[in-house]
Amino acid sequence: MKKITIAIDGFSSTGKSTIAKQLAKKLHYIYVDSGAMYRAVTLYFMQHDLISKHKFNKNKLIIALEKIELKFKFNEKLGYGEIYLNNVNVESKIRSLEVSNLVSKVAEVSEIRKKMVTQQQAMGINKGIVMDGRDIGTVVFPKAELKLFITASADVRAKRRFDELTKKGDKVSFDSILKNVKERDFIDTTRKDSPLIKAGDAIEIDNSKLGLEEQFQKIYKIALKIINKD
């Protein structure tokens, strides 16, 4: 069976990572969460007091990039790779609302995006990869055989995020999460460098009313059709 590149783009909290993990596991492909890379970089900046709600010096962030090393290490129990920041597993820490509130702004910086894209392209050089993010089908893998664009209403996405965080014990409000979702949408779609847009040849999936299994089966069939195409 031939290997292809699967690029999954879409808005925050649409479940891109979930479907990407499912596909990668089923197809025995490598899974890469590009958003985790930007979140890990954001976490590093926060830990070293380089950014906050009221602090953002782009030049200092660019200089600090040289001190950041990112790796994905496969977790057999989970069935996918977890992100490591300077050899420390930060998979859970990067999912906080505090990181979410700053990551889109960090991702706007062209120098940061350039470094991340270079690393992402190197990961997929041999194909057999599923990567999700916001510019995977447009910038990272513009020639990907399968491109998906996942979307859902802001309210639905905020509810999913709220349930996810409260389940972990985080004390958050629905309104604060909805505000964050809308703010990230605006930043992601209006930034000058690699804005979130649907690639011309991407298949759009609105999963506002789709269950996880229903969505997976729909996308899996699409992937198999392309993989088995002569």
C-alpha atoms as a PDB file:
ATOM      1  CA  MET A   1       0.000   0.000   0.000  1.00  0.00           C
ATOM      2  CA  LYS A   2       1.449   3.358  -1.022  1.00  0.00           C
ATOM      3  CA  LYS A   3       2.005   6.085   1.541  1.00  0.00           C
ATOM      4  CA  ILE A   4       0.586   9.589   1.209  1.00  0.00           C
ATOM      5  CA  THR A   5       0.733  12.868   3.099  1.00  0.00           C
ATOM      6  CA  ILE A   6      -2.438  13.892   4.937  1.00  0.00           C
ATOM      7  CA  ALA A   7      -2.744  17.573   5.860  1.00  0.00           C
ATOM      8  CA  ILE A   8      -5.503  18.595   8.266  1.00  0.00           C
ATOM      9  CA  ASP A   9      -6.224  22.285   8.830  1.00  0.00           C
ATOM     10  CA  GLY A  10      -8.997  24.072  10.645  1.00  0.00           C
ATOM     11  CA  PHE A  11     -10.063  26.328  13.475  1.00  0.00           C
ATOM     12  CA  SER A  12      -9.154  25.763  17.124  1.00  0.00           C
ATOM     13  CA  SER A  13     -11.056  23.099  19.077  1.00  0.00           C
ATOM     14  CA  THR A  14     -12.547  21.431  16.009  1.00  0.00           C
ATOM     15  CA  GLY A  15     -11.045  18.085  16.951  1.00  0.00           C
ATOM     16  CA  LYS A  16      -8.310  18.170  14.294  1.00  0.00           C
ATOM     17  CA  SER A  17      -5.884  16.359  16.557  1.00  0.00           C
ATOM     18  CA  THR A  18      -8.403  13.677  17.451  1.00  0.00           C
ATOM     19  CA  ILE A  19      -9.161  12.739  13.843  1.00  0.00           C
ATOM     20  CA  ALA A  20      -5.463  13.015  12.935  1.00  0.00           C
ATOM     21  CA  LYS A  21      -4.511  10.574  15.719  1.00  0.00           C
ATOM     22  CA  GLN A  22      -7.272   8.176  14.659  1.00  0.00           C
ATOM     23  CA  LEU A  23      -6.151   8.212  11.036  1.00  0.00           C
ATOM     24  CA  ALA A  24      -2.476   7.823  11.880  1.00  0.00           C
ATOM     25  CA  LYS A  25      -3.174   4.867  14.168  1.00  0.00           C
ATOM     26  CA  LYS A  26      -5.427   3.123  11.634  1.00  0.00           C
ATOM     27  CA  LEU A  27      -3.038   3.671   8.726  1.00  0.00           C
ATOM     28  CA  HIS A  28       0.128   3.096  10.797  1.00  0.00           C
ATOM     29  CA  TYR A  29       1.313   6.606   9.884  1.00  0.00           C
ATOM     30  CA  ILE A  30       3.335   9.119  11.862  1.00  0.00           C
ATOM     31  CA  TYR A  31       1.193  11.736  13.622  1.00  0.00           C
ATOM     32  CA  VAL A  32       2.448  15.264  14.189  1.00  0.00           C
ATOM     33  CA  ASP A  33       0.506  17.947  16.060  1.00  0.00           C
ATOM     34  CA  SER A  34       1.984  21.155  14.624  1.00  0.00           C
ATOM     35  CA  GLY A  35      -0.063  23.216  17.075  1.00  0.00           C
ATOM     36  CA  ALA A  36       1.732  21.497  19.956  1.00  0.00           C
ATOM     37  CA  MET A  37       4.992  22.894  18.607  1.00  0.00           C
ATOM     38  CA  TYR A  38       3.723  26.480  18.743  1.00  0.00           C
ATOM     39  CA  ARG A  39       2.205  25.843  22.158  1.00  0.00           C
ATOM     40  CA  ALA A  40       5.509  24.458  23.475  1.00  0.00           C
ATOM     41  CA  VAL A  41       7.369  27.520  22.205  1.00  0.00           C
ATOM     42  CA  THR A  42       4.750  29.727  23.864  1.00  0.00           C
ATOM     43  CA  LEU A  43       5.129  27.816  27.128  1.00  0.00           C
ATOM     44  CA  TYR A  44       8.898  28.341  27.050  1.00  0.00           C
ATOM     45  CA  PHE A  45       8.416  32.088  26.589  1.00  0.00           C
ATOM     46  CA  MET A  46       5.951  32.159  29.497  1.00  0.00           C
ATOM     47  CA  GLN A  47       8.253  30.168  31.777  1.00  0.00           C
ATOM     48  CA  HIS A  48      11.079  32.631  31.108  1.00  0.00           C
ATOM     49  CA  ASP A  49       8.899  35.704  31.591  1.00  0.00           C
ATOM     50  CA  LEU A  50       9.259  36.793  27.965  1.00  0.00           C
ATOM     51  CA  ILE A  51       5.554  37.151  27.253  1.00  0.00           C
ATOM     52  CA  SER A  52       2.344  37.806  29.135  1.00  0.00           C
ATOM     53  CA  LYS A  53      -0.992  39.470  28.496  1.00  0.00           C
ATOM     54  CA  HIS A  54       0.769  42.852  28.603  1.00  0.00           C
ATOM     55  CA  LYS A  55       4.293  41.901  27.495  1.00  0.00           C
ATOM     56  CA  PHE A  56       5.397  40.977  23.988  1.00  0.00           C
ATOM     57  CA  ASN A  57       8.838  41.847  22.622  1.00  0.00           C
ATOM     58  CA  LYS A  58       9.209  40.118  19.259  1.00  0.00           C
ATOM     59  CA  ASN A  59      12.990  40.582  19.070  1.00  0.00           C
ATOM     60  CA  LYS A  60      13.526  38.905  22.438  1.00  0.00           C
ATOM     61  CA  LEU A  61      11.362  35.983  21.358  1.00  0.00           C
ATOM     62  CA  ILE A  62      13.337  35.498  18.154  1.00  0.00           C
ATOM     63  CA  ILE A  63      16.622  35.456  20.103  1.00  0.00           C
ATOM     64  CA  ALA A  64      15.190  32.967  22.618  1.00  0.00           C
ATOM     65  CA  LEU A  65      14.283  30.568  19.795  1.00  0.00           C
ATOM     66  CA  GLU A  66      17.900  29.379  19.709  1.00  0.00           C
ATOM     67  CA  LYS A  67      17.472  27.932  23.208  1.00  0.00           C
ATOM     68  CA  ILE A  68      14.432  25.854  22.302  1.00  0.00           C
ATOM     69  CA  GLU A  69      14.580  22.210  21.235  1.00  0.00           C
ATOM     70  CA  LEU A  70      11.367  20.386  20.326  1.00  0.00           C
ATOM     71  CA  LYS A  71      10.919  16.643  19.891  1.00  0.00           C
ATOM     72  CA  PHE A  72       8.033  14.213  19.610  1.00  0.00           C
ATOM     73  CA  LYS A  73       8.499  10.950  21.514  1.00  0.00           C
ATOM     74  CA  PHE A  74       6.132   8.065  20.846  1.00  0.00           C
ATOM     75  CA  ASN A  75       4.032   6.947  23.820  1.00  0.00           C
ATOM     76  CA  GLU A  76       3.020   3.318  23.323  1.00  0.00           C
ATOM     77  CA  LYS A  77       0.171   3.520  25.843  1.00  0.00           C
ATOM     78  CA  LEU A  78      -1.365   6.543  24.125  1.00  0.00           C
ATOM     79  CA  GLY A  79      -0.513   5.453  20.607  1.00  0.00           C
ATOM     80  CA  TYR A  80       0.938   8.789  19.487  1.00  0.00           C
ATOM     81  CA  GLY A  81       3.913  11.060  20.014  1.00  0.00           C
ATOM     82  CA  GLU A  82       4.005  13.564  22.880  1.00  0.00           C
ATOM     83  CA  ILE A  83       5.793  16.909  22.646  1.00  0.00           C
ATOM     84  CA  TYR A  84       9.025  17.432  24.600  1.00  0.00           C
ATOM     85  CA  LEU A  85      10.432  20.889  25.279  1.00  0.00           C
ATOM     86  CA  ASN A  86      14.156  20.756  25.979  1.00  0.00           C
ATOM     87  CA  ASN A  87      13.791  17.064  26.906  1.00  0.00           C
ATOM     88  CA  VAL A  88      10.836  17.658  29.257  1.00  0.00           C
ATOM     89  CA  ASN A  89       7.391  16.245  28.494  1.00  0.00           C
ATOM     90  CA  VAL A  90       5.050  19.255  28.356  1.00  0.00           C
ATOM     91  CA  GLU A  91       2.089  17.594  26.624  1.00  0.00           C
ATOM     92  CA  SER A  92      -0.344  18.451  29.434  1.00  0.00           C
ATOM     93  CA  LYS A  93       1.097  21.867  30.328  1.00  0.00           C
ATOM     94  CA  ILE A  94       0.701  23.269  26.814  1.00  0.00           C
ATOM     95  CA  ARG A  95      -3.079  22.637  26.861  1.00  0.00           C
ATOM     96  CA  SER A  96      -3.846  25.271  29.509  1.00  0.00           C
ATOM     97  CA  LEU A  97      -6.063  28.267  28.808  1.00  0.00           C
ATOM     98  CA  GLU A  98      -3.108  30.533  29.674  1.00  0.00           C
ATOM     99  CA  VAL A  99      -1.111  29.085  26.781  1.00  0.00           C
ATOM    100  CA  SER A 100      -4.175  29.195  24.525  1.00  0.00           C
ATOM    101  CA  ASN A 101      -4.562  32.916  25.215  1.00  0.00           C
ATOM    102  CA  LEU A 102      -1.048  33.659  23.899  1.00  0.00           C
ATOM    103  CA  VAL A 103      -0.229  31.004  21.290  1.00  0.00           C
ATOM    104  CA  SER A 104      -1.937  32.657  18.305  1.00  0.00           C
ATOM    105  CA  LYS A 105       0.036  35.842  18.889  1.00  0.00           C
ATOM    106  CA  VAL A 106       3.298  33.876  19.063  1.00  0.00           C
ATOM    107  CA  ALA A 107       2.356  32.040  15.869  1.00  0.00           C
ATOM    108  CA  GLU A 108       2.065  35.386  14.076  1.00  0.00           C
ATOM    109  CA  VAL A 109       5.836  35.945  14.270  1.00  0.00           C
ATOM    110  CA  SER A 110       7.302  35.087  10.855  1.00  0.00           C
ATOM    111  CA  GLU A 111      10.676  33.964  12.201  1.00  0.00           C
ATOM    112  CA  ILE A 112       8.985  31.485  14.541  1.00  0.00           C
ATOM    113  CA  ARG A 113       6.749  30.153  11.783  1.00  0.00           C
ATOM    114  CA  LYS A 114       9.730  29.728   9.459  1.00  0.00           C
ATOM    115  CA  LYS A 115      11.583  27.586  11.998  1.00  0.00           C
ATOM    116  CA  MET A 116       8.515  25.472  12.770  1.00  0.00           C
ATOM    117  CA  VAL A 117       7.677  24.922   9.091  1.00  0.00           C
ATOM    118  CA  THR A 118      11.245  23.807   8.317  1.00  0.00           C
ATOM    119  CA  GLN A 119      11.076  21.206  11.098  1.00  0.00           C
ATOM    120  CA  GLN A 120       7.595  20.052  10.038  1.00  0.00           C
ATOM    121  CA  GLN A 121       8.601  19.582   6.400  1.00  0.00           C
ATOM    122  CA  ALA A 122      11.609  17.517   7.471  1.00  0.00           C
ATOM    123  CA  MET A 123       9.311  15.236   9.483  1.00  0.00           C
ATOM    124  CA  GLY A 124       7.211  14.464   6.426  1.00  0.00           C
ATOM    125  CA  ILE A 125       9.909  13.975   3.815  1.00  0.00           C
ATOM    126  CA  ASN A 126       9.165  10.221   3.519  1.00  0.00           C
ATOM    127  CA  LYS A 127       5.351  10.639   3.542  1.00  0.00           C
ATOM    128  CA  GLY A 128       3.225   8.275   5.606  1.00  0.00           C
ATOM    129  CA  ILE A 129       2.378  11.195   7.874  1.00  0.00           C
ATOM    130  CA  VAL A 130      -0.736  12.885   9.241  1.00  0.00           C
ATOM    131  CA  MET A 131      -0.174  16.464  10.392  1.00  0.00           C
ATOM    132  CA  ASP A 132      -2.733  18.924  11.690  1.00  0.00           C
ATOM    133  CA  GLY A 133      -2.538  22.674  12.151  1.00  0.00           C
ATOM    134  CA  ARG A 134      -3.532  25.872  10.405  1.00  0.00           C
ATOM    135  CA  ASP A 135      -1.219  26.096   7.402  1.00  0.00           C
ATOM    136  CA  ILE A 136      -0.384  22.448   6.708  1.00  0.00           C
ATOM    137  CA  GLY A 137      -2.177  22.164   3.373  1.00  0.00           C
ATOM    138  CA  THR A 138      -1.295  25.676   2.240  1.00  0.00           C
ATOM    139  CA  VAL A 139       2.318  26.131   3.399  1.00  0.00           C
ATOM    140  CA  VAL A 140       3.875  23.042   4.988  1.00  0.00           C
ATOM    141  CA  PHE A 141       2.622  20.399   2.531  1.00  0.00           C
ATOM    142  CA  PRO A 142       1.023  22.216  -0.419  1.00  0.00           C
ATOM    143  CA  LYS A 143       1.336  19.033  -2.512  1.00  0.00           C
ATOM    144  CA  ALA A 144      -0.275  16.720   0.057  1.00  0.00           C
ATOM    145  CA  GLU A 145      -2.400  14.034  -1.579  1.00  0.00           C
ATOM    146  CA  LEU A 146      -5.216  14.554   0.954  1.00  0.00           C
ATOM    147  CA  LYS A 147      -6.093  17.919   2.462  1.00  0.00           C
ATOM    148  CA  LEU A 148      -8.898  18.364   4.958  1.00  0.00           C
ATOM    149  CA  PHE A 149     -10.324  21.567   6.378  1.00  0.00           C
ATOM    150  CA  ILE A 150     -12.205  20.983   9.639  1.00  0.00           C
ATOM    151  CA  THR A 151     -14.705  23.507  10.936  1.00  0.00           C
ATOM    152  CA  ALA A 152     -17.529  23.871  13.487  1.00  0.00           C
ATOM    153  CA  SER A 153     -19.461  26.741  15.061  1.00  0.00           C
ATOM    154  CA  ALA A 154     -17.691  28.828  17.716  1.00  0.00           C
ATOM    155  CA  ASP A 155     -20.237  27.852  20.396  1.00  0.00           C
ATOM    156  CA  VAL A 156     -19.788  24.129  19.706  1.00  0.00           C
ATOM    157  CA  ARG A 157     -16.010  24.447  19.813  1.00  0.00           C
ATOM    158  CA  ALA A 158     -16.072  26.445  23.046  1.00  0.00           C
ATOM    159  CA  LYS A 159     -18.314  23.824  24.678  1.00  0.00           C
ATOM    160  CA  ARG A 160     -15.914  21.046  23.661  1.00  0.00           C
ATOM    161  CA  ARG A 161     -12.960  22.964  25.060  1.00  0.00           C
ATOM    162  CA  PHE A 162     -14.856  23.797  28.261  1.00  0.00           C
ATOM    163  CA  ASP A 163     -15.744  20.128  28.815  1.00  0.00           C
ATOM    164  CA  GLU A 164     -12.157  19.060  28.145  1.00  0.00           C
ATOM    165  CA  LEU A 165     -10.652  21.504  30.646  1.00  0.00           C
ATOM    166  CA  THR A 166     -13.221  21.022  33.406  1.00  0.00           C
ATOM    167  CA  LYS A 167     -12.821  17.259  33.092  1.00  0.00           C
ATOM    168  CA  LYS A 168      -9.124  17.772  33.924  1.00  0.00           C
ATOM    169  CA  GLY A 169     -10.103  19.826  36.958  1.00  0.00           C
ATOM    170  CA  ASP A 170      -9.299  23.273  35.528  1.00  0.00           C
ATOM    171  CA  LYS A 171     -11.464  26.092  36.850  1.00  0.00           C
ATOM    172  CA  VAL A 172     -12.590  27.967  33.749  1.00  0.00           C
ATOM    173  CA  SER A 173     -15.740  29.693  32.569  1.00  0.00           C
ATOM    174  CA  PHE A 174     -17.545  28.994  29.315  1.00  0.00           C
ATOM    175  CA  ASP A 175     -17.609  32.700  28.453  1.00  0.00           C
ATOM    176  CA  SER A 176     -13.831  33.058  28.808  1.00  0.00           C
ATOM    177  CA  ILE A 177     -13.279  30.072  26.536  1.00  0.00           C
ATOM    178  CA  LEU A 178     -15.764  31.314  23.935  1.00  0.00           C
ATOM    179  CA  LYS A 179     -13.979  34.672  23.962  1.00  0.00           C
ATOM    180  CA  ASN A 180     -10.634  32.904  23.495  1.00  0.00           C
ATOM    181  CA  VAL A 181     -11.978  30.820  20.591  1.00  0.00           C
ATOM    182  CA  LYS A 182     -13.278  33.895  18.785  1.00  0.00           C
ATOM    183  CA  GLU A 183     -10.101  35.904  19.412  1.00  0.00           C
ATOM    184  CA  ARG A 184      -7.923  33.059  18.108  1.00  0.00           C
ATOM    185  CA  ASP A 185     -10.133  32.727  15.029  1.00  0.00           C
ATOM    186  CA  PHE A 186      -9.630  36.408  14.270  1.00  0.00           C
ATOM    187  CA  ILE A 187      -5.861  36.332  14.776  1.00  0.00           C
ATOM    188  CA  ASP A 188      -5.406  33.073  12.852  1.00  0.00           C
ATOM    189  CA  THR A 189      -7.425  34.206   9.828  1.00  0.00           C
ATOM    190  CA  THR A 190      -6.117  37.769   9.592  1.00  0.00           C
ATOM    191  CA  ARG A 191      -2.371  37.417  10.281  1.00  0.00           C
ATOM    192  CA  LYS A 192      -0.104  38.434   7.404  1.00  0.00           C
ATOM    193  CA  ASP A 193       2.118  35.343   7.501  1.00  0.00           C
ATOM    194  CA  SER A 194       0.391  32.052   6.600  1.00  0.00           C
ATOM    195  CA  PRO A 195      -3.176  32.908   7.672  1.00  0.00           C
ATOM    196  CA  LEU A 196      -5.674  30.143   8.282  1.00  0.00           C
ATOM    197  CA  ILE A 197      -7.418  29.609   4.956  1.00  0.00           C
ATOM    198  CA  LYS A 198      -8.899  26.619   3.212  1.00  0.00           C
ATOM    199  CA  ALA A 199      -6.599  25.260   0.506  1.00  0.00           C
ATOM    200  CA  GLY A 200      -8.245  25.287  -2.899  1.00  0.00           C
ATOM    201  CA  ASP A 201      -8.144  21.491  -3.150  1.00  0.00           C
ATOM    202  CA  ALA A 202      -9.071  20.762   0.481  1.00  0.00           C
ATOM    203  CA  ILE A 203     -12.188  18.828   1.462  1.00  0.00           C
ATOM    204  CA  GLU A 204     -14.207  20.777   4.041  1.00  0.00           C
ATOM    205  CA  ILE A 205     -15.759  18.865   6.940  1.00  0.00           C
ATOM    206  CA  ASP A 206     -18.189  20.675   9.277  1.00  0.00           C
ATOM    207  CA  ASN A 207     -18.332  18.452  12.346  1.00  0.00           C
ATOM    208  CA  SER A 208     -20.683  20.614  14.434  1.00  0.00           C
ATOM    209  CA  LYS A 209     -23.235  17.777  14.366  1.00  0.00           C
ATOM    210  CA  LEU A 210     -20.983  14.792  13.650  1.00  0.00           C
ATOM    211  CA  GLY A 211     -20.040  12.177  16.222  1.00  0.00           C
ATOM    212  CA  LEU A 212     -16.391  11.105  16.487  1.00  0.00           C
ATOM    213  CA  GLU A 213     -16.961   7.675  14.931  1.00  0.00           C
ATOM    214  CA  GLU A 214     -19.165   9.056  12.156  1.00  0.00           C
ATOM    215  CA  GLN A 215     -16.547  11.654  11.299  1.00  0.00           C
ATOM    216  CA  PHE A 216     -13.721   9.119  11.382  1.00  0.00           C
ATOM    217  CA  GLN A 217     -15.451   6.645   9.084  1.00  0.00           C
ATOM    218  CA  LYS A 218     -16.263   9.408   6.606  1.00  0.00           C
ATOM    219  CA  ILE A 219     -12.677  10.653   6.452  1.00  0.00           C
ATOM    220  CA  TYR A 220     -11.116   7.173   6.555  1.00  0.00           C
ATOM    221  CA  LYS A 221     -13.057   6.186   3.434  1.00  0.00           C
ATOM    222  CA  ILE A 222     -11.799   9.313   1.671  1.00  0.00           C
ATOM    223  CA  ALA A 223      -8.206   8.505   2.656  1.00  0.00           C
ATOM    224  CA  LEU A 224      -8.434   4.890   1.492  1.00  0.00           C
ATOM    225  CA  LYS A 225      -9.845   5.966  -1.861  1.00  0.00           C
ATOM    226  CA  ILE A 226      -6.818   8.205  -2.453  1.00  0.00           C
ATOM    227  CA  ILE A 227      -4.298   5.650  -1.146  1.00  0.00           C
ATOM    228  CA  ASN A 228      -5.689   2.897  -3.378  1.00  0.00           C
ATOM    229  CA  LYS A 229      -5.968   5.116  -6.432  1.00  0.00           C
ATOM    230  CA  ASP A 230      -3.623   4.020  -9.243  1.00  0.00           C
END
